[in-house]
Amino acid sequence: MDLQNRHVVVTGAAGGIGSALARRFHAAGARLVLADQRSPDSVAAELPGAVALAVDLSTEAGNIELIDAAEREFGVVDLFFANAGVALGTDPMDDEEIWDLSFAINTHAHRWAARRLLPAWLDRGEGYFCSTASAAGLLAQIGSAPYSLTKHAAVAFAEWMSITYGERGLKVSCLCPQGVNTAMLNADSPIGTGGDVVKAVGVVLEPADVAEVVYQAIVDERFLILPHPEVGDYLKFKGSDPQKWITGMQRLQRRTLGF
């Protein structure tokens, strides 16, 4: 997709990957609506013509509110980038609130947005849905069951969307980075020591580097976006010998977390 004059919505746009995506898409000529739980005013202020909205994406009503507002600004959305995400919790004993919020933001928000967007896209035979999952959605996230499960679900939903609607004009991409220099990876991250594992296994990219890879993938209309190419190799190994993969991950957990 050529983004010149295209209407693009980016969620989770107040910082990290989301703000980097906004800057790259704006440079490509997109008309932007930027959304986050706290309004991404400072990012929008850098990008003439961009609109900033504060929305609660943990509810279906919030996603509908966002898309309604975006359509009032620029008409039908051409590209919706479901980038907002949370990294919470550790294991099945976590409170239900942690699990509920993880699924709401990391998975259900994608579904809610798609439910609102699909009728218009299918009617006109064109639309583009992108989502940020994670390498954890293809592999696993040591240290956080809620993050691992919800990111797997995000990848599965994107794949299903592409299979189901691809021949009706819908394009779908799914971003699955490994380590990126954002607040989510900091020492005070809600997934705690899980971030240490990510930093131990590979290079940590800057958000702008990820945004450039994403932009090129959208131009090429590729489904799976891997800013860390080695993730593709890990995925092949996991598929070729699942038992050996699990054993290796157990060793990695012991080496990095001590248990």
C-alpha atoms as a PDB file:
ATOM      1  CA  MET A   1       0.000   0.000   0.000  1.00  0.00           C
ATOM      2  CA  ASP A   2       1.182   3.474  -0.882  1.00  0.00           C
ATOM      3  CA  LEU A   3       0.482   5.610   2.211  1.00  0.00           C
ATOM      4  CA  GLN A   4       0.374   8.945   0.408  1.00  0.00           C
ATOM      5  CA  ASN A   5      -2.933  10.639   1.418  1.00  0.00           C
ATOM      6  CA  ARG A   6      -4.128   7.441   3.085  1.00  0.00           C
ATOM      7  CA  HIS A   7      -6.131   7.644   6.315  1.00  0.00           C
ATOM      8  CA  VAL A   8      -4.121   5.789   8.975  1.00  0.00           C
ATOM      9  CA  VAL A   9      -5.035   5.141  12.621  1.00  0.00           C
ATOM     10  CA  VAL A  10      -2.293   4.126  15.066  1.00  0.00           C
ATOM     11  CA  THR A  11      -3.086   3.026  18.616  1.00  0.00           C
ATOM     12  CA  GLY A  12      -0.581   3.069  21.441  1.00  0.00           C
ATOM     13  CA  ALA A  13       0.861   6.151  19.737  1.00  0.00           C
ATOM     14  CA  ALA A  14       2.027   8.120  22.785  1.00  0.00           C
ATOM     15  CA  GLY A  15       5.478   6.531  22.761  1.00  0.00           C
ATOM     16  CA  GLY A  16       7.628   3.562  21.839  1.00  0.00           C
ATOM     17  CA  ILE A  17       6.851   1.727  18.612  1.00  0.00           C
ATOM     18  CA  GLY A  18       3.556   3.586  18.181  1.00  0.00           C
ATOM     19  CA  SER A  19       5.071   7.064  18.072  1.00  0.00           C
ATOM     20  CA  ALA A  20       7.828   5.824  15.741  1.00  0.00           C
ATOM     21  CA  LEU A  21       5.193   4.364  13.404  1.00  0.00           C
ATOM     22  CA  ALA A  22       3.334   7.667  13.452  1.00  0.00           C
ATOM     23  CA  ARG A  23       6.451   9.603  12.446  1.00  0.00           C
ATOM     24  CA  ARG A  24       7.313   7.171   9.646  1.00  0.00           C
ATOM     25  CA  PHE A  25       3.782   7.068   8.251  1.00  0.00           C
ATOM     26  CA  HIS A  26       3.548  10.862   8.363  1.00  0.00           C
ATOM     27  CA  ALA A  27       6.794  11.087   6.406  1.00  0.00           C
ATOM     28  CA  ALA A  28       5.162   8.845   3.800  1.00  0.00           C
ATOM     29  CA  GLY A  29       2.268  11.276   3.424  1.00  0.00           C
ATOM     30  CA  ALA A  30      -0.415   9.602   5.537  1.00  0.00           C
ATOM     31  CA  ARG A  31      -3.269  11.473   7.241  1.00  0.00           C
ATOM     32  CA  LEU A  32      -2.995  10.348  10.843  1.00  0.00           C
ATOM     33  CA  VAL A  33      -5.248   9.741  13.807  1.00  0.00           C
ATOM     34  CA  LEU A  34      -3.174   8.845  16.860  1.00  0.00           C
ATOM     35  CA  ALA A  35      -4.735   7.200  19.902  1.00  0.00           C
ATOM     36  CA  ASP A  36      -3.611   6.168  23.352  1.00  0.00           C
ATOM     37  CA  GLN A  37      -4.942   5.929  26.888  1.00  0.00           C
ATOM     38  CA  ARG A  38      -3.240   9.257  27.519  1.00  0.00           C
ATOM     39  CA  SER A  39      -3.638  11.571  24.569  1.00  0.00           C
ATOM     40  CA  PRO A  40      -0.551  11.513  22.297  1.00  0.00           C
ATOM     41  CA  ASP A  41      -0.652  15.305  21.940  1.00  0.00           C
ATOM     42  CA  SER A  42       3.113  15.751  22.028  1.00  0.00           C
ATOM     43  CA  VAL A  43       3.599  13.281  19.169  1.00  0.00           C
ATOM     44  CA  ALA A  44       0.804  14.829  17.102  1.00  0.00           C
ATOM     45  CA  ALA A  45       2.293  18.280  17.657  1.00  0.00           C
ATOM     46  CA  GLU A  46       5.390  17.151  15.732  1.00  0.00           C
ATOM     47  CA  LEU A  47       3.292  15.992  12.771  1.00  0.00           C
ATOM     48  CA  PRO A  48       1.267  18.726  11.017  1.00  0.00           C
ATOM     49  CA  GLY A  49      -2.317  17.640  10.435  1.00  0.00           C
ATOM     50  CA  ALA A  50      -2.225  14.685  12.815  1.00  0.00           C
ATOM     51  CA  VAL A  51      -5.125  14.260  15.235  1.00  0.00           C
ATOM     52  CA  ALA A  52      -4.569  13.017  18.797  1.00  0.00           C
ATOM     53  CA  LEU A  53      -7.241  11.200  20.806  1.00  0.00           C
ATOM     54  CA  ALA A  54      -7.354   9.821  24.347  1.00  0.00           C
ATOM     55  CA  VAL A  55      -9.348   6.575  24.322  1.00  0.00           C
ATOM     56  CA  ASP A  56      -9.797   3.491  26.483  1.00  0.00           C
ATOM     57  CA  LEU A  57      -9.075   0.579  24.165  1.00  0.00           C
ATOM     58  CA  SER A  58      -9.802  -2.017  26.848  1.00  0.00           C
ATOM     59  CA  THR A  59     -13.507  -1.846  25.932  1.00  0.00           C
ATOM     60  CA  GLU A  60     -15.411  -2.326  22.704  1.00  0.00           C
ATOM     61  CA  ALA A  61     -17.043   1.063  23.232  1.00  0.00           C
ATOM     62  CA  GLY A  62     -13.632   2.718  23.310  1.00  0.00           C
ATOM     63  CA  ASN A  63     -12.611   1.137  20.016  1.00  0.00           C
ATOM     64  CA  ILE A  64     -15.872   2.161  18.385  1.00  0.00           C
ATOM     65  CA  GLU A  65     -15.460   5.690  19.741  1.00  0.00           C
ATOM     66  CA  LEU A  66     -11.970   5.883  18.223  1.00  0.00           C
ATOM     67  CA  ILE A  67     -13.010   4.709  14.762  1.00  0.00           C
ATOM     68  CA  ASP A  68     -16.123   6.903  14.740  1.00  0.00           C
ATOM     69  CA  ALA A  69     -13.981   9.937  15.586  1.00  0.00           C
ATOM     70  CA  ALA A  70     -11.366   9.006  12.980  1.00  0.00           C
ATOM     71  CA  GLU A  71     -14.013   8.703  10.273  1.00  0.00           C
ATOM     72  CA  ARG A  72     -15.408  12.121  11.181  1.00  0.00           C
ATOM     73  CA  GLU A  73     -11.934  13.548  10.633  1.00  0.00           C
ATOM     74  CA  PHE A  74     -10.813  11.825   7.429  1.00  0.00           C
ATOM     75  CA  GLY A  75     -13.510   9.437   6.214  1.00  0.00           C
ATOM     76  CA  VAL A  76     -13.139   5.657   5.919  1.00  0.00           C
ATOM     77  CA  VAL A  77      -9.963   4.315   7.521  1.00  0.00           C
ATOM     78  CA  ASP A  78      -7.496   2.913   4.987  1.00  0.00           C
ATOM     79  CA  LEU A  79      -5.008   1.405   7.443  1.00  0.00           C
ATOM     80  CA  PHE A  80      -5.725   0.567  11.071  1.00  0.00           C
ATOM     81  CA  PHE A  81      -2.654  -0.250  13.136  1.00  0.00           C
ATOM     82  CA  ALA A  82      -3.608  -1.970  16.403  1.00  0.00           C
ATOM     83  CA  ASN A  83      -0.334  -1.309  18.183  1.00  0.00           C
ATOM     84  CA  ALA A  84      -1.445  -0.700  21.775  1.00  0.00           C
ATOM     85  CA  GLY A  85      -0.305  -3.397  24.159  1.00  0.00           C
ATOM     86  CA  VAL A  86       0.349  -4.207  27.799  1.00  0.00           C
ATOM     87  CA  ALA A  87       2.863  -6.521  29.472  1.00  0.00           C
ATOM     88  CA  LEU A  88       1.381  -7.729  32.731  1.00  0.00           C
ATOM     89  CA  GLY A  89       1.531 -10.688  35.074  1.00  0.00           C
ATOM     90  CA  THR A  90       3.551 -13.825  35.493  1.00  0.00           C
ATOM     91  CA  ASP A  91       1.544 -17.035  35.923  1.00  0.00           C
ATOM     92  CA  PRO A  92      -1.933 -18.592  36.308  1.00  0.00           C
ATOM     93  CA  MET A  93      -2.137 -17.390  39.909  1.00  0.00           C
ATOM     94  CA  ASP A  94      -2.307 -13.740  38.874  1.00  0.00           C
ATOM     95  CA  ASP A  95      -5.504 -11.863  39.690  1.00  0.00           C
ATOM     96  CA  GLU A  96      -8.284 -12.022  37.120  1.00  0.00           C
ATOM     97  CA  GLU A  97      -7.956  -8.267  36.576  1.00  0.00           C
ATOM     98  CA  ILE A  98      -4.474  -8.804  35.128  1.00  0.00           C
ATOM     99  CA  TRP A  99      -5.652 -11.550  32.805  1.00  0.00           C
ATOM    100  CA  ASP A 100      -8.751  -9.613  31.753  1.00  0.00           C
ATOM    101  CA  LEU A 101      -6.827  -6.440  30.943  1.00  0.00           C
ATOM    102  CA  SER A 102      -4.138  -8.378  29.072  1.00  0.00           C
ATOM    103  CA  PHE A 103      -6.703 -10.044  26.845  1.00  0.00           C
ATOM    104  CA  ALA A 104      -8.705  -6.835  26.423  1.00  0.00           C
ATOM    105  CA  ILE A 105      -5.797  -4.746  25.133  1.00  0.00           C
ATOM    106  CA  ASN A 106      -3.585  -7.340  23.454  1.00  0.00           C
ATOM    107  CA  THR A 107      -6.298  -9.403  21.751  1.00  0.00           C
ATOM    108  CA  HIS A 108      -9.908  -8.254  22.094  1.00  0.00           C
ATOM    109  CA  ALA A 109      -9.120  -4.685  21.001  1.00  0.00           C
ATOM    110  CA  HIS A 110      -8.028  -6.107  17.641  1.00  0.00           C
ATOM    111  CA  ARG A 111     -11.265  -8.034  17.328  1.00  0.00           C
ATOM    112  CA  TRP A 112     -13.406  -5.076  18.389  1.00  0.00           C
ATOM    113  CA  ALA A 113     -11.708  -2.787  15.886  1.00  0.00           C
ATOM    114  CA  ALA A 114     -12.101  -5.334  13.112  1.00  0.00           C
ATOM    115  CA  ARG A 115     -15.797  -5.778  13.865  1.00  0.00           C
ATOM    116  CA  ARG A 116     -16.302  -2.036  13.428  1.00  0.00           C
ATOM    117  CA  LEU A 117     -14.086  -1.701  10.338  1.00  0.00           C
ATOM    118  CA  LEU A 118     -14.872  -4.815   8.295  1.00  0.00           C
ATOM    119  CA  PRO A 119     -18.299  -3.898   6.869  1.00  0.00           C
ATOM    120  CA  ALA A 120     -16.996  -0.781   5.105  1.00  0.00           C
ATOM    121  CA  TRP A 121     -13.794  -2.476   3.999  1.00  0.00           C
ATOM    122  CA  LEU A 122     -15.551  -5.496   2.541  1.00  0.00           C
ATOM    123  CA  ASP A 123     -18.138  -3.282   0.882  1.00  0.00           C
ATOM    124  CA  ARG A 124     -15.497  -1.291  -0.971  1.00  0.00           C
ATOM    125  CA  GLY A 125     -13.158  -4.267  -1.466  1.00  0.00           C
ATOM    126  CA  GLU A 126     -10.190  -2.642   0.237  1.00  0.00           C
ATOM    127  CA  GLY A 127      -8.737  -2.161   3.714  1.00  0.00           C
ATOM    128  CA  TYR A 128      -5.571  -2.830   5.667  1.00  0.00           C
ATOM    129  CA  PHE A 129      -5.401  -4.224   9.210  1.00  0.00           C
ATOM    130  CA  CYS A 130      -2.052  -4.306  10.989  1.00  0.00           C
ATOM    131  CA  SER A 131      -1.406  -5.473  14.517  1.00  0.00           C
ATOM    132  CA  THR A 132       1.539  -5.505  16.858  1.00  0.00           C
ATOM    133  CA  ALA A 133       1.942  -8.907  18.462  1.00  0.00           C
ATOM    134  CA  SER A 134       5.430 -10.034  19.505  1.00  0.00           C
ATOM    135  CA  ALA A 135       8.022 -12.704  18.929  1.00  0.00           C
ATOM    136  CA  ALA A 136       6.398 -14.089  22.085  1.00  0.00           C
ATOM    137  CA  GLY A 137       3.278 -14.667  19.991  1.00  0.00           C
ATOM    138  CA  LEU A 138       5.215 -16.993  17.702  1.00  0.00           C
ATOM    139  CA  LEU A 139       7.528 -18.521  20.302  1.00  0.00           C
ATOM    140  CA  ALA A 140       6.920 -17.903  24.030  1.00  0.00           C
ATOM    141  CA  GLN A 141       7.524 -15.269  26.696  1.00  0.00           C
ATOM    142  CA  ILE A 142       9.523 -16.671  29.563  1.00  0.00           C
ATOM    143  CA  GLY A 143       8.329 -14.992  32.750  1.00  0.00           C
ATOM    144  CA  SER A 144       4.810 -13.974  31.716  1.00  0.00           C
ATOM    145  CA  ALA A 145       1.952 -16.327  30.903  1.00  0.00           C
ATOM    146  CA  PRO A 146      -0.599 -13.520  30.258  1.00  0.00           C
ATOM    147  CA  TYR A 147       1.697 -11.821  27.750  1.00  0.00           C
ATOM    148  CA  SER A 148       2.572 -15.060  25.970  1.00  0.00           C
ATOM    149  CA  LEU A 149      -1.031 -16.229  25.685  1.00  0.00           C
ATOM    150  CA  THR A 150      -2.501 -12.938  24.529  1.00  0.00           C
ATOM    151  CA  LYS A 151       0.223 -12.355  21.945  1.00  0.00           C
ATOM    152  CA  HIS A 152      -0.277 -15.869  20.545  1.00  0.00           C
ATOM    153  CA  ALA A 153      -3.953 -15.025  20.238  1.00  0.00           C
ATOM    154  CA  ALA A 154      -3.129 -11.760  18.450  1.00  0.00           C
ATOM    155  CA  VAL A 155      -1.054 -13.615  15.854  1.00  0.00           C
ATOM    156  CA  ALA A 156      -3.794 -16.210  15.399  1.00  0.00           C
ATOM    157  CA  PHE A 157      -6.439 -13.534  14.877  1.00  0.00           C
ATOM    158  CA  ALA A 158      -4.344 -11.706  12.277  1.00  0.00           C
ATOM    159  CA  GLU A 159      -3.686 -14.980  10.454  1.00  0.00           C
ATOM    160  CA  TRP A 160      -7.378 -15.852  10.494  1.00  0.00           C
ATOM    161  CA  MET A 161      -8.297 -12.413   9.156  1.00  0.00           C
ATOM    162  CA  SER A 162      -5.838 -12.743   6.280  1.00  0.00           C
ATOM    163  CA  ILE A 163      -7.023 -16.234   5.358  1.00  0.00           C
ATOM    164  CA  THR A 164     -10.707 -15.375   5.600  1.00  0.00           C
ATOM    165  CA  TYR A 165     -10.822 -11.982   3.909  1.00  0.00           C
ATOM    166  CA  GLY A 166      -7.659 -11.836   1.808  1.00  0.00           C
ATOM    167  CA  GLU A 167      -9.470 -12.636  -1.425  1.00  0.00           C
ATOM    168  CA  ARG A 168     -12.016  -9.915  -0.691  1.00  0.00           C
ATOM    169  CA  GLY A 169      -9.495  -7.094  -0.720  1.00  0.00           C
ATOM    170  CA  LEU A 170      -8.356  -7.053   2.901  1.00  0.00           C
ATOM    171  CA  LYS A 171      -4.629  -6.828   3.541  1.00  0.00           C
ATOM    172  CA  VAL A 172      -3.269  -7.962   6.915  1.00  0.00           C
ATOM    173  CA  SER A 173       0.152  -7.615   8.523  1.00  0.00           C
ATOM    174  CA  CYS A 174       1.324  -8.758  11.941  1.00  0.00           C
ATOM    175  CA  LEU A 175       4.384  -7.246  13.621  1.00  0.00           C
ATOM    176  CA  CYS A 176       6.371  -9.659  15.799  1.00  0.00           C
ATOM    177  CA  PRO A 177       9.499  -7.964  17.155  1.00  0.00           C
ATOM    178  CA  GLN A 178      11.836  -9.327  19.777  1.00  0.00           C
ATOM    179  CA  GLY A 179      13.633  -6.750  21.956  1.00  0.00           C
ATOM    180  CA  VAL A 180      12.792  -3.072  21.317  1.00  0.00           C
ATOM    181  CA  ASN A 181      14.057  -0.155  23.399  1.00  0.00           C
ATOM    182  CA  THR A 182      10.741   0.876  24.958  1.00  0.00           C
ATOM    183  CA  ALA A 183       9.363   1.251  28.472  1.00  0.00           C
ATOM    184  CA  MET A 184       7.984  -2.272  28.228  1.00  0.00           C
ATOM    185  CA  LEU A 185      11.527  -3.654  28.194  1.00  0.00           C
ATOM    186  CA  ASN A 186      12.878  -1.530  31.060  1.00  0.00           C
ATOM    187  CA  ALA A 187      13.891  -3.037  34.407  1.00  0.00           C
ATOM    188  CA  ASP A 188      10.645  -1.794  35.941  1.00  0.00           C
ATOM    189  CA  SER A 189       8.540  -3.508  33.293  1.00  0.00           C
ATOM    190  CA  PRO A 190       5.407  -5.229  34.636  1.00  0.00           C
ATOM    191  CA  ILE A 191       6.722  -8.534  33.263  1.00  0.00           C
ATOM    192  CA  GLY A 192       9.796  -8.055  35.462  1.00  0.00           C
ATOM    193  CA  THR A 193      12.587 -10.506  34.754  1.00  0.00           C
ATOM    194  CA  GLY A 194      10.943 -11.590  31.505  1.00  0.00           C
ATOM    195  CA  GLY A 195      12.477  -8.477  29.978  1.00  0.00           C
ATOM    196  CA  ASP A 196      15.917  -9.671  31.055  1.00  0.00           C
ATOM    197  CA  VAL A 197      15.435 -12.819  28.984  1.00  0.00           C
ATOM    198  CA  VAL A 198      14.554 -10.800  25.891  1.00  0.00           C
ATOM    199  CA  LYS A 199      17.650  -8.624  26.267  1.00  0.00           C
ATOM    200  CA  ALA A 200      19.834 -11.694  26.801  1.00  0.00           C
ATOM    201  CA  VAL A 201      18.907 -13.486  23.589  1.00  0.00           C
ATOM    202  CA  GLY A 202      19.423 -10.819  20.931  1.00  0.00           C
ATOM    203  CA  VAL A 203      19.932  -7.240  19.839  1.00  0.00           C
ATOM    204  CA  VAL A 204      17.575  -4.573  21.180  1.00  0.00           C
ATOM    205  CA  LEU A 205      16.358  -2.376  18.319  1.00  0.00           C
ATOM    206  CA  GLU A 206      15.311   1.258  18.473  1.00  0.00           C
ATOM    207  CA  PRO A 207      11.629   2.002  17.728  1.00  0.00           C
ATOM    208  CA  ALA A 208      12.550   4.015  14.627  1.00  0.00           C
ATOM    209  CA  ASP A 209      14.373   0.990  13.199  1.00  0.00           C
ATOM    210  CA  VAL A 210      11.287  -1.150  13.749  1.00  0.00           C
ATOM    211  CA  ALA A 211       9.072   1.492  12.144  1.00  0.00           C
ATOM    212  CA  GLU A 212      11.206   1.492   8.999  1.00  0.00           C
ATOM    213  CA  VAL A 213      10.909  -2.292   8.685  1.00  0.00           C
ATOM    214  CA  VAL A 214       7.154  -2.014   9.210  1.00  0.00           C
ATOM    215  CA  TYR A 215       6.794   0.690   6.580  1.00  0.00           C
ATOM    216  CA  GLN A 216       8.587  -1.389   3.961  1.00  0.00           C
ATOM    217  CA  ALA A 217       6.456  -4.434   4.827  1.00  0.00           C
ATOM    218  CA  ILE A 218       3.262  -2.408   4.365  1.00  0.00           C
ATOM    219  CA  VAL A 219       4.468  -1.123   1.012  1.00  0.00           C
ATOM    220  CA  ASP A 220       5.124  -4.757   0.046  1.00  0.00           C
ATOM    221  CA  GLU A 221       1.900  -5.929   1.763  1.00  0.00           C
ATOM    222  CA  ARG A 222       3.660  -8.737   3.630  1.00  0.00           C
ATOM    223  CA  PHE A 223       1.835 -10.626   6.381  1.00  0.00           C
ATOM    224  CA  LEU A 224       4.559 -11.435   8.905  1.00  0.00           C
ATOM    225  CA  ILE A 225       6.847  -8.559   9.905  1.00  0.00           C
ATOM    226  CA  LEU A 226      10.036  -9.675  11.660  1.00  0.00           C
ATOM    227  CA  PRO A 227      12.401  -6.792  12.531  1.00  0.00           C
ATOM    228  CA  HIS A 228      14.599  -9.476  14.126  1.00  0.00           C
ATOM    229  CA  PRO A 229      15.086 -11.964  11.240  1.00  0.00           C
ATOM    230  CA  GLU A 230      16.397 -14.626  13.621  1.00  0.00           C
ATOM    231  CA  VAL A 231      12.855 -15.015  14.964  1.00  0.00           C
ATOM    232  CA  GLY A 232      11.977 -16.695  11.670  1.00  0.00           C
ATOM    233  CA  ASP A 233      14.788 -19.179  12.220  1.00  0.00           C
ATOM    234  CA  TYR A 234      13.603 -19.887  15.770  1.00  0.00           C
ATOM    235  CA  LEU A 235      10.089 -20.476  14.437  1.00  0.00           C
ATOM    236  CA  LYS A 236      11.352 -22.997  11.884  1.00  0.00           C
ATOM    237  CA  PHE A 237      13.313 -24.827  14.568  1.00  0.00           C
ATOM    238  CA  LYS A 238      10.319 -24.863  16.899  1.00  0.00           C
ATOM    239  CA  GLY A 239       8.165 -26.380  14.144  1.00  0.00           C
ATOM    240  CA  SER A 240      10.753 -28.972  13.140  1.00  0.00           C
ATOM    241  CA  ASP A 241      11.426 -30.310  16.656  1.00  0.00           C
ATOM    242  CA  PRO A 242       8.980 -29.051  19.312  1.00  0.00           C
ATOM    243  CA  GLN A 243      10.415 -31.223  22.088  1.00  0.00           C
ATOM    244  CA  LYS A 244      13.951 -29.997  21.496  1.00  0.00           C
ATOM    245  CA  TRP A 245      12.617 -26.435  21.384  1.00  0.00           C
ATOM    246  CA  ILE A 246      10.919 -26.808  24.779  1.00  0.00           C
ATOM    247  CA  THR A 247      14.080 -28.295  26.295  1.00  0.00           C
ATOM    248  CA  GLY A 248      16.121 -25.387  24.999  1.00  0.00           C
ATOM    249  CA  MET A 249      13.670 -22.847  26.389  1.00  0.00           C
ATOM    250  CA  GLN A 250      13.759 -24.563  29.780  1.00  0.00           C
ATOM    251  CA  ARG A 251      17.550 -24.235  29.781  1.00  0.00           C
ATOM    252  CA  LEU A 252      17.290 -20.565  28.791  1.00  0.00           C
ATOM    253  CA  GLN A 253      14.911 -19.954  31.679  1.00  0.00           C
ATOM    254  CA  ARG A 254      17.299 -21.575  34.146  1.00  0.00           C
ATOM    255  CA  ARG A 255      20.285 -19.667  32.788  1.00  0.00           C
ATOM    256  CA  THR A 256      18.623 -16.239  32.804  1.00  0.00           C
ATOM    257  CA  LEU A 257      16.162 -16.456  35.681  1.00  0.00           C
ATOM    258  CA  GLY A 258      17.785 -19.075  37.882  1.00  0.00           C
ATOM    259  CA  PHE A 259      14.877 -21.535  38.020  1.00  0.00           C
END
